[in-house]
């Protein structure tokens, strides 16, 4: 979590410029939420329209939207960059379990 006063969550530690750039997982999560919002608010009708608009692959869009189904603590770990090092975007975005507890078991 990035705080507006340039403080990190680590006491006594200021954020450095490279600490403020979004990680690839953070960008993917944001993209998935943006696309889901476009669908929910009727800006686009389906994933195919997102594919055409963004010029990306259908499976890529599906994977990014899948990130919106992750448990809140997993999303927090993405934003805090505290997920286990072995996890990849593919691990999180491809066919995540519907139940949050099953997601946690897969990750931790």
Protein backbone atom coordinates (compact mmCIF):
# COMPACT_ATOMS: atom_id res chain seq x y z
CA UNK A 1 0.00 0.00 0.00
CA UNK A 2 1.36 3.39 -0.91
CA UNK A 3 0.53 6.21 1.42
CA UNK A 4 0.14 9.78 0.16
CA UNK A 5 2.72 11.27 2.51
CA UNK A 6 5.50 9.19 0.94
CA UNK A 7 5.66 6.91 3.98
CA UNK A 8 5.79 3.20 3.46
CA UNK A 9 4.15 0.69 5.76
CA UNK A 10 7.62 -0.04 7.12
CA UNK A 11 8.16 2.37 10.05
CA UNK A 12 10.97 4.84 9.52
CA UNK A 13 11.35 3.97 5.87
CA UNK A 14 10.54 6.50 3.15
CA UNK A 15 9.46 5.37 -0.28
CA UNK A 16 12.09 5.54 -2.98
CA UNK A 17 11.14 6.39 -6.59
CA UNK A 18 11.37 2.75 -7.63
CA UNK A 19 9.02 1.79 -4.79
CA UNK A 20 6.19 3.83 -6.30
CA UNK A 21 6.06 2.23 -9.74
CA UNK A 22 3.31 -0.34 -10.12
CA UNK A 23 4.36 -3.96 -10.35
CA UNK A 24 3.20 -6.07 -13.31
CA UNK A 25 0.71 -7.84 -11.00
CA UNK A 26 -0.69 -4.51 -9.81
CA UNK A 27 -1.10 -3.35 -13.40
CA UNK A 28 -2.82 -6.60 -14.35
CA UNK A 29 -5.19 -6.34 -11.37
CA UNK A 30 -6.05 -2.74 -12.27
CA UNK A 31 -6.62 -3.69 -15.91
CA UNK A 32 -8.94 -6.54 -14.90
CA UNK A 33 -10.99 -4.26 -12.65
CA UNK A 34 -11.19 -1.58 -15.33
CA UNK A 35 -12.43 -4.06 -17.91
CA UNK A 36 -14.94 -5.59 -15.51
CA UNK A 37 -16.26 -2.11 -14.70
CA UNK A 38 -16.66 -1.39 -18.41
CA UNK A 39 -18.82 -4.50 -18.69
CA UNK A 40 -20.81 -3.87 -15.51
CA UNK A 41 -21.60 -0.26 -16.43
CA UNK A 42 -22.58 -1.15 -19.98
CA UNK A 43 -19.76 0.67 -21.76
CA UNK A 44 -19.00 -2.61 -23.52
CA UNK A 45 -21.24 -5.61 -23.99
CA UNK A 46 -18.80 -8.51 -23.77
CA UNK A 47 -15.18 -9.62 -23.67
CA UNK A 48 -15.03 -9.66 -27.46
CA UNK A 49 -15.58 -5.91 -27.49
CA UNK A 50 -12.73 -5.45 -25.00
CA UNK A 51 -10.50 -7.58 -27.23
CA UNK A 52 -11.31 -5.38 -30.23
CA UNK A 53 -10.91 -2.14 -28.26
CA UNK A 54 -7.62 -3.06 -26.60
CA UNK A 55 -6.12 -5.10 -29.44
CA UNK A 56 -5.27 -8.02 -27.18
CA UNK A 57 -5.99 -11.73 -27.13
CA UNK A 58 -9.30 -13.07 -25.78
CA UNK A 59 -7.59 -15.37 -23.28
CA UNK A 60 -5.54 -12.44 -21.97
CA UNK A 61 -8.70 -10.44 -21.27
CA UNK A 62 -10.26 -13.44 -19.54
CA UNK A 63 -7.21 -13.93 -17.32
CA UNK A 64 -7.11 -10.27 -16.28
CA UNK A 65 -10.83 -10.29 -15.43
CA UNK A 66 -10.26 -13.49 -13.41
CA UNK A 67 -8.02 -11.46 -11.10
CA UNK A 68 -11.11 -9.57 -9.93
CA UNK A 69 -12.33 -12.78 -8.27
CA UNK A 70 -9.38 -13.09 -5.90
CA UNK A 71 -9.82 -13.06 -2.12
CA UNK A 72 -9.30 -9.66 -0.49
CA UNK A 73 -6.17 -10.78 1.36
CA UNK A 74 -4.64 -12.02 -1.88
CA UNK A 75 -5.40 -8.68 -3.53
CA UNK A 76 -3.80 -6.96 -0.54
CA UNK A 77 -0.71 -9.16 -0.94
CA UNK A 78 -0.53 -8.14 -4.62
CA UNK A 79 -0.75 -4.45 -3.68
CA UNK A 80 1.78 -4.87 -0.87
CA UNK A 81 4.04 -6.96 -3.12
CA UNK A 82 4.20 -9.67 -0.47
CA UNK A 83 3.11 -12.73 -2.43
CA UNK A 84 5.48 -15.71 -2.39
CA UNK A 85 8.25 -15.23 -4.94
CA UNK A 86 7.39 -18.40 -6.84
CA UNK A 87 3.92 -17.13 -7.85
CA UNK A 88 3.35 -15.74 -11.31
CA UNK A 89 0.53 -13.86 -12.96
CA UNK A 90 -0.35 -17.10 -14.73
CA UNK A 91 -0.71 -18.90 -11.36
CA UNK A 92 -3.19 -16.30 -10.12
CA UNK A 93 -5.15 -15.57 -13.28
CA UNK A 94 -5.72 -18.95 -14.87
CA UNK A 95 -8.78 -20.71 -13.55
CA UNK A 96 -8.74 -19.39 -9.97
CA UNK A 97 -10.92 -21.41 -7.59
CA UNK A 98 -14.28 -19.80 -6.84
CA UNK A 99 -13.88 -20.25 -3.08
CA UNK A 100 -11.45 -17.89 -1.40
CA UNK A 101 -10.18 -20.58 0.96
CA UNK A 102 -9.22 -22.76 -2.00
CA UNK A 103 -7.40 -19.79 -3.54
CA UNK A 104 -5.43 -19.34 -0.32
CA UNK A 105 -4.50 -23.03 -0.24
CA UNK A 106 -3.21 -22.78 -3.79
CA UNK A 107 -1.04 -19.77 -2.94
CA UNK A 108 0.20 -20.24 0.61
